Amino acid sequence: MNKVKTRNLLILAHLFLASFLAPSFLMVGVTGALDLAGVEPSIEDSDILLPSDTRLDPDSPTLKQDIEAILAARNIHLDIESVRSRDGRMTTRPTSRTFVRINQTPDGLQASLHKPGLQYALMELHKGHGPAIFKTYQIIAGIVLFLVIVGGLIVGLMAKAYRRKTLGALALGTGAFLLLGFVL
């Protein structure tokens, strides 16, 4: 394959991959910028009243099923993939959808239901707290982002008309990254 055909194939792959994963790239950029800018996401919280004799063992191998049974008794049915348990605080996952937190306190269990707004849900997806299948999608998106950037650089360097501009922009971007990230 000659240089022009190789470049055209790289451009096509670059455009397809960038377009296909644009929603993921945009989500990461927008949610990251909103978080860094201090824009607080909305979430609707409500208490769940539990009988005082309700018990949970955070180290139980059946913790997910135990929580599902407690919630079902309160007529709350969620799609729980897993439970994150740390220091007596249990959170159902994914947290990009309606989820529950249960805290062990000296007075017993305290539970609350959390319904995330759009920004909160997107932030949770960004952090990898979404459904397991979305985590796999994010790993692929990260790999593809790397390939899109490297592919774009290769295409820019292959075209004589863009070689200097590509190198100049790469040098400027690398300098800004290093200066702002590690010097100032």
C-alpha atoms as a PDB file:
ATOM      1  CA  MET A   1       0.000   0.000   0.000  1.00  0.00           C
ATOM      2  CA  ASN A   2       1.408   3.382  -0.927  1.00  0.00           C
ATOM      3  CA  LYS A   3       1.748   6.378   1.376  1.00  0.00           C
ATOM      4  CA  VAL A   4      -1.406   8.158   0.129  1.00  0.00           C
ATOM      5  CA  LYS A   5      -3.591   5.054   0.559  1.00  0.00           C
ATOM      6  CA  THR A   6      -2.129   4.425   4.016  1.00  0.00           C
ATOM      7  CA  ARG A   7      -2.808   8.019   5.027  1.00  0.00           C
ATOM      8  CA  ASN A   8      -6.372   7.856   3.667  1.00  0.00           C
ATOM      9  CA  LEU A   9      -6.994   4.594   5.545  1.00  0.00           C
ATOM     10  CA  LEU A  10      -5.653   6.152   8.759  1.00  0.00           C
ATOM     11  CA  ILE A  11      -7.835   9.218   8.256  1.00  0.00           C
ATOM     12  CA  LEU A  12     -10.904   7.029   7.736  1.00  0.00           C
ATOM     13  CA  ALA A  13     -10.126   4.935  10.840  1.00  0.00           C
ATOM     14  CA  HIS A  14      -9.395   8.114  12.827  1.00  0.00           C
ATOM     15  CA  LEU A  15     -12.699   9.710  11.792  1.00  0.00           C
ATOM     16  CA  PHE A  16     -14.759   6.562  12.403  1.00  0.00           C
ATOM     17  CA  LEU A  17     -13.289   5.840  15.845  1.00  0.00           C
ATOM     18  CA  ALA A  18     -13.435   9.483  16.961  1.00  0.00           C
ATOM     19  CA  SER A  19     -17.040   9.817  15.774  1.00  0.00           C
ATOM     20  CA  PHE A  20     -18.186   6.506  17.244  1.00  0.00           C
ATOM     21  CA  LEU A  21     -16.767   7.320  20.674  1.00  0.00           C
ATOM     22  CA  ALA A  22     -17.470  11.076  20.612  1.00  0.00           C
ATOM     23  CA  PRO A  23     -20.242  10.761  23.255  1.00  0.00           C
ATOM     24  CA  SER A  24     -17.808   9.095  25.661  1.00  0.00           C
ATOM     25  CA  PHE A  25     -15.047  11.630  24.983  1.00  0.00           C
ATOM     26  CA  LEU A  26     -17.509  14.507  25.435  1.00  0.00           C
ATOM     27  CA  MET A  27     -18.866  13.017  28.669  1.00  0.00           C
ATOM     28  CA  VAL A  28     -15.384  12.768  30.158  1.00  0.00           C
ATOM     29  CA  GLY A  29     -14.454  16.303  29.077  1.00  0.00           C
ATOM     30  CA  VAL A  30     -17.693  17.948  30.211  1.00  0.00           C
ATOM     31  CA  THR A  31     -18.004  16.131  33.542  1.00  0.00           C
ATOM     32  CA  GLY A  32     -14.326  16.670  34.334  1.00  0.00           C
ATOM     33  CA  ALA A  33     -14.570  20.381  33.549  1.00  0.00           C
ATOM     34  CA  LEU A  34     -17.783  20.797  35.578  1.00  0.00           C
ATOM     35  CA  ASP A  35     -16.212  19.001  38.534  1.00  0.00           C
ATOM     36  CA  LEU A  36     -13.037  21.105  38.389  1.00  0.00           C
ATOM     37  CA  ALA A  37     -15.149  24.271  38.055  1.00  0.00           C
ATOM     38  CA  GLY A  38     -16.995  23.310  41.259  1.00  0.00           C
ATOM     39  CA  VAL A  39     -20.431  22.832  39.667  1.00  0.00           C
ATOM     40  CA  GLU A  40     -22.290  20.565  42.072  1.00  0.00           C
ATOM     41  CA  PRO A  41     -24.365  17.760  40.563  1.00  0.00           C
ATOM     42  CA  SER A  42     -27.909  17.202  41.838  1.00  0.00           C
ATOM     43  CA  ILE A  43     -29.061  14.096  43.638  1.00  0.00           C
ATOM     44  CA  GLU A  44     -32.371  13.434  45.359  1.00  0.00           C
ATOM     45  CA  ASP A  45     -31.923  11.718  48.733  1.00  0.00           C
ATOM     46  CA  SER A  46     -34.594  10.136  50.908  1.00  0.00           C
ATOM     47  CA  ASP A  47     -34.392   8.077  54.085  1.00  0.00           C
ATOM     48  CA  ILE A  48     -35.482   4.450  54.149  1.00  0.00           C
ATOM     49  CA  LEU A  49     -37.013   3.417  57.451  1.00  0.00           C
ATOM     50  CA  LEU A  50     -35.750   0.024  58.590  1.00  0.00           C
ATOM     51  CA  PRO A  51     -37.012  -2.023  61.541  1.00  0.00           C
ATOM     52  CA  SER A  52     -34.698  -1.589  64.519  1.00  0.00           C
ATOM     53  CA  ASP A  53     -33.826  -5.306  64.533  1.00  0.00           C
ATOM     54  CA  THR A  54     -32.501  -5.238  60.937  1.00  0.00           C
ATOM     55  CA  ARG A  55     -28.971  -6.618  60.755  1.00  0.00           C
ATOM     56  CA  LEU A  56     -26.366  -6.876  57.999  1.00  0.00           C
ATOM     57  CA  ASP A  57     -22.904  -8.375  57.947  1.00  0.00           C
ATOM     58  CA  PRO A  58     -20.772  -6.223  55.611  1.00  0.00           C
ATOM     59  CA  ASP A  59     -18.371  -9.155  55.166  1.00  0.00           C
ATOM     60  CA  SER A  60     -21.069 -11.675  54.260  1.00  0.00           C
ATOM     61  CA  PRO A  61     -20.675 -13.429  50.896  1.00  0.00           C
ATOM     62  CA  THR A  62     -24.432 -12.935  50.443  1.00  0.00           C
ATOM     63  CA  LEU A  63     -24.416  -9.198  51.224  1.00  0.00           C
ATOM     64  CA  LYS A  64     -25.963  -8.258  47.848  1.00  0.00           C
ATOM     65  CA  GLN A  65     -28.827 -10.717  48.309  1.00  0.00           C
ATOM     66  CA  ASP A  66     -29.281  -9.661  51.945  1.00  0.00           C
ATOM     67  CA  ILE A  67     -29.622  -6.010  50.904  1.00  0.00           C
ATOM     68  CA  GLU A  68     -32.008  -6.934  48.071  1.00  0.00           C
ATOM     69  CA  ALA A  69     -34.201  -8.797  50.584  1.00  0.00           C
ATOM     70  CA  ILE A  70     -34.212  -5.852  53.025  1.00  0.00           C
ATOM     71  CA  LEU A  71     -35.139  -3.457  50.207  1.00  0.00           C
ATOM     72  CA  ALA A  72     -37.800  -5.790  48.774  1.00  0.00           C
ATOM     73  CA  ALA A  73     -39.464  -5.834  52.201  1.00  0.00           C
ATOM     74  CA  ARG A  74     -39.719  -2.031  51.841  1.00  0.00           C
ATOM     75  CA  ASN A  75     -41.043  -2.417  48.265  1.00  0.00           C
ATOM     76  CA  ILE A  76     -37.820  -1.033  46.767  1.00  0.00           C
ATOM     77  CA  HIS A  77     -36.548  -2.956  43.758  1.00  0.00           C
ATOM     78  CA  LEU A  78     -33.226  -1.923  42.234  1.00  0.00           C
ATOM     79  CA  ASP A  79     -30.909  -3.470  39.671  1.00  0.00           C
ATOM     80  CA  ILE A  80     -27.969  -4.097  42.007  1.00  0.00           C
ATOM     81  CA  GLU A  81     -24.827  -5.406  40.322  1.00  0.00           C
ATOM     82  CA  SER A  82     -22.606  -5.261  43.390  1.00  0.00           C
ATOM     83  CA  VAL A  83     -22.182  -3.713  46.813  1.00  0.00           C
ATOM     84  CA  ARG A  84     -19.198  -1.631  47.866  1.00  0.00           C
ATOM     85  CA  SER A  85     -18.589  -2.101  51.582  1.00  0.00           C
ATOM     86  CA  ARG A  86     -16.102  -0.011  53.497  1.00  0.00           C
ATOM     87  CA  ASP A  87     -15.934   0.835  57.216  1.00  0.00           C
ATOM     88  CA  GLY A  88     -19.560  -0.131  57.893  1.00  0.00           C
ATOM     89  CA  ARG A  89     -20.843   1.862  54.924  1.00  0.00           C
ATOM     90  CA  MET A  90     -22.459  -0.154  52.161  1.00  0.00           C
ATOM     91  CA  THR A  91     -23.332   1.329  48.766  1.00  0.00           C
ATOM     92  CA  THR A  92     -25.133  -0.517  46.018  1.00  0.00           C
ATOM     93  CA  ARG A  93     -23.716  -0.222  42.524  1.00  0.00           C
ATOM     94  CA  PRO A  94     -24.112   1.134  39.925  1.00  0.00           C
ATOM     95  CA  THR A  95     -24.374   4.619  41.406  1.00  0.00           C
ATOM     96  CA  SER A  96     -25.099   6.140  38.010  1.00  0.00           C
ATOM     97  CA  ARG A  97     -28.675   4.938  38.593  1.00  0.00           C
ATOM     98  CA  THR A  98     -30.866   4.973  41.677  1.00  0.00           C
ATOM     99  CA  PHE A  99     -28.863   3.387  44.504  1.00  0.00           C
ATOM    100  CA  VAL A 100     -28.937   2.789  48.253  1.00  0.00           C
ATOM    101  CA  ARG A 101     -26.482   3.544  51.044  1.00  0.00           C
ATOM    102  CA  ILE A 102     -26.660   1.680  54.315  1.00  0.00           C
ATOM    103  CA  ASN A 103     -24.544   2.779  57.260  1.00  0.00           C
ATOM    104  CA  GLN A 104     -23.898   0.777  60.395  1.00  0.00           C
ATOM    105  CA  THR A 105     -24.145   3.079  63.392  1.00  0.00           C
ATOM    106  CA  PRO A 106     -24.123   2.410  67.131  1.00  0.00           C
ATOM    107  CA  ASP A 107     -27.908   2.895  66.986  1.00  0.00           C
ATOM    108  CA  GLY A 108     -28.407   0.335  64.194  1.00  0.00           C
ATOM    109  CA  LEU A 109     -28.655   0.558  60.433  1.00  0.00           C
ATOM    110  CA  GLN A 110     -29.449   3.811  58.643  1.00  0.00           C
ATOM    111  CA  ALA A 111     -30.458   3.527  54.994  1.00  0.00           C
ATOM    112  CA  SER A 112     -31.073   6.103  52.295  1.00  0.00           C
ATOM    113  CA  LEU A 113     -32.222   6.026  48.680  1.00  0.00           C
ATOM    114  CA  HIS A 114     -30.382   8.220  46.170  1.00  0.00           C
ATOM    115  CA  LYS A 115     -31.731   9.254  42.752  1.00  0.00           C
ATOM    116  CA  PRO A 116     -28.991  10.959  40.720  1.00  0.00           C
ATOM    117  CA  GLY A 117     -29.623  13.832  38.335  1.00  0.00           C
ATOM    118  CA  LEU A 118     -28.089  13.737  34.846  1.00  0.00           C
ATOM    119  CA  GLN A 119     -24.800  15.441  35.802  1.00  0.00           C
ATOM    120  CA  TYR A 120     -24.378  13.180  38.848  1.00  0.00           C
ATOM    121  CA  ALA A 121     -25.110  10.073  36.762  1.00  0.00           C
ATOM    122  CA  LEU A 122     -22.598  11.148  34.105  1.00  0.00           C
ATOM    123  CA  MET A 123     -19.983  11.874  36.790  1.00  0.00           C
ATOM    124  CA  GLU A 124     -20.482   8.379  38.194  1.00  0.00           C
ATOM    125  CA  LEU A 125     -20.075   6.880  34.711  1.00  0.00           C
ATOM    126  CA  HIS A 126     -16.899   8.959  34.289  1.00  0.00           C
ATOM    127  CA  LYS A 127     -15.521   7.591  37.576  1.00  0.00           C
ATOM    128  CA  GLY A 128     -16.250   3.991  36.576  1.00  0.00           C
ATOM    129  CA  HIS A 129     -19.171   3.566  38.992  1.00  0.00           C
ATOM    130  CA  GLY A 130     -21.677   2.651  36.285  1.00  0.00           C
ATOM    131  CA  PRO A 131     -22.830  -0.748  35.079  1.00  0.00           C
ATOM    132  CA  ALA A 132     -20.102  -3.367  34.524  1.00  0.00           C
ATOM    133  CA  ILE A 133     -20.686  -3.375  30.763  1.00  0.00           C
ATOM    134  CA  PHE A 134     -20.132   0.393  30.673  1.00  0.00           C
ATOM    135  CA  LYS A 135     -16.797  -0.062  32.481  1.00  0.00           C
ATOM    136  CA  THR A 136     -15.699  -2.362  29.661  1.00  0.00           C
ATOM    137  CA  TYR A 137     -16.870   0.251  27.146  1.00  0.00           C
ATOM    138  CA  GLN A 138     -14.814   2.898  28.989  1.00  0.00           C
ATOM    139  CA  ILE A 139     -11.674   0.754  28.861  1.00  0.00           C
ATOM    140  CA  ILE A 140     -12.153   0.345  25.123  1.00  0.00           C
ATOM    141  CA  ALA A 141     -12.847   4.077  24.780  1.00  0.00           C
ATOM    142  CA  GLY A 142      -9.600   4.865  26.616  1.00  0.00           C
ATOM    143  CA  ILE A 143      -7.610   2.616  24.303  1.00  0.00           C
ATOM    144  CA  VAL A 144      -9.343   4.079  21.259  1.00  0.00           C
ATOM    145  CA  LEU A 145      -8.692   7.638  22.487  1.00  0.00           C
ATOM    146  CA  PHE A 146      -5.002   6.795  22.640  1.00  0.00           C
ATOM    147  CA  LEU A 147      -5.154   5.337  19.115  1.00  0.00           C
ATOM    148  CA  VAL A 148      -7.110   8.333  17.766  1.00  0.00           C
ATOM    149  CA  ILE A 149      -4.524  10.757  19.137  1.00  0.00           C
ATOM    150  CA  VAL A 150      -1.538   8.734  17.926  1.00  0.00           C
ATOM    151  CA  GLY A 151      -3.271   8.157  14.573  1.00  0.00           C
ATOM    152  CA  GLY A 152      -3.934  11.869  14.205  1.00  0.00           C
ATOM    153  CA  LEU A 153      -0.290  12.638  14.912  1.00  0.00           C
ATOM    154  CA  ILE A 154       0.846  10.021  12.382  1.00  0.00           C
ATOM    155  CA  VAL A 155      -1.505  11.405   9.720  1.00  0.00           C
ATOM    156  CA  GLY A 156      -0.273  14.939  10.432  1.00  0.00           C
ATOM    157  CA  LEU A 157       3.348  13.837  10.179  1.00  0.00           C
ATOM    158  CA  MET A 158       2.766  11.826   6.973  1.00  0.00           C
ATOM    159  CA  ALA A 159       1.397  14.844   5.101  1.00  0.00           C
ATOM    160  CA  LYS A 160       4.257  17.136   4.154  1.00  0.00           C
ATOM    161  CA  ALA A 161       1.948  20.181   4.181  1.00  0.00           C
ATOM    162  CA  TYR A 162       0.981  19.515   7.821  1.00  0.00           C
ATOM    163  CA  ARG A 163       4.239  18.125   9.228  1.00  0.00           C
ATOM    164  CA  ARG A 164       5.610  21.408  10.624  1.00  0.00           C
ATOM    165  CA  LYS A 165       2.217  22.486  11.941  1.00  0.00           C
ATOM    166  CA  THR A 166       1.721  19.103  13.631  1.00  0.00           C
ATOM    167  CA  LEU A 167       5.179  19.197  15.227  1.00  0.00           C
ATOM    168  CA  GLY A 168       4.683  22.820  16.310  1.00  0.00           C
ATOM    169  CA  ALA A 169       1.313  22.104  17.889  1.00  0.00           C
ATOM    170  CA  LEU A 170       2.692  18.954  19.555  1.00  0.00           C
ATOM    171  CA  ALA A 171       5.657  20.899  20.973  1.00  0.00           C
ATOM    172  CA  LEU A 172       3.406  23.734  22.161  1.00  0.00           C
ATOM    173  CA  GLY A 173       0.922  21.313  23.760  1.00  0.00           C
ATOM    174  CA  THR A 174       3.667  19.283  25.419  1.00  0.00           C
ATOM    175  CA  GLY A 175       5.265  22.470  26.746  1.00  0.00           C
ATOM    176  CA  ALA A 176       1.947  23.740  28.146  1.00  0.00           C
ATOM    177  CA  PHE A 177       1.253  20.348  29.758  1.00  0.00           C
ATOM    178  CA  LEU A 178       4.669  20.195  31.416  1.00  0.00           C
ATOM    179  CA  LEU A 179       4.755  23.859  32.416  1.00  0.00           C
ATOM    180  CA  LEU A 180       1.248  23.992  33.890  1.00  0.00           C
ATOM    181  CA  GLY A 181       1.358  20.501  35.374  1.00  0.00           C
ATOM    182  CA  PHE A 182       4.822  20.369  36.875  1.00  0.00           C
ATOM    183  CA  VAL A 183       6.486  23.780  36.948  1.00  0.00           C
ATOM    184  CA  LEU A 184       3.955  26.481  37.887  1.00  0.00           C
END
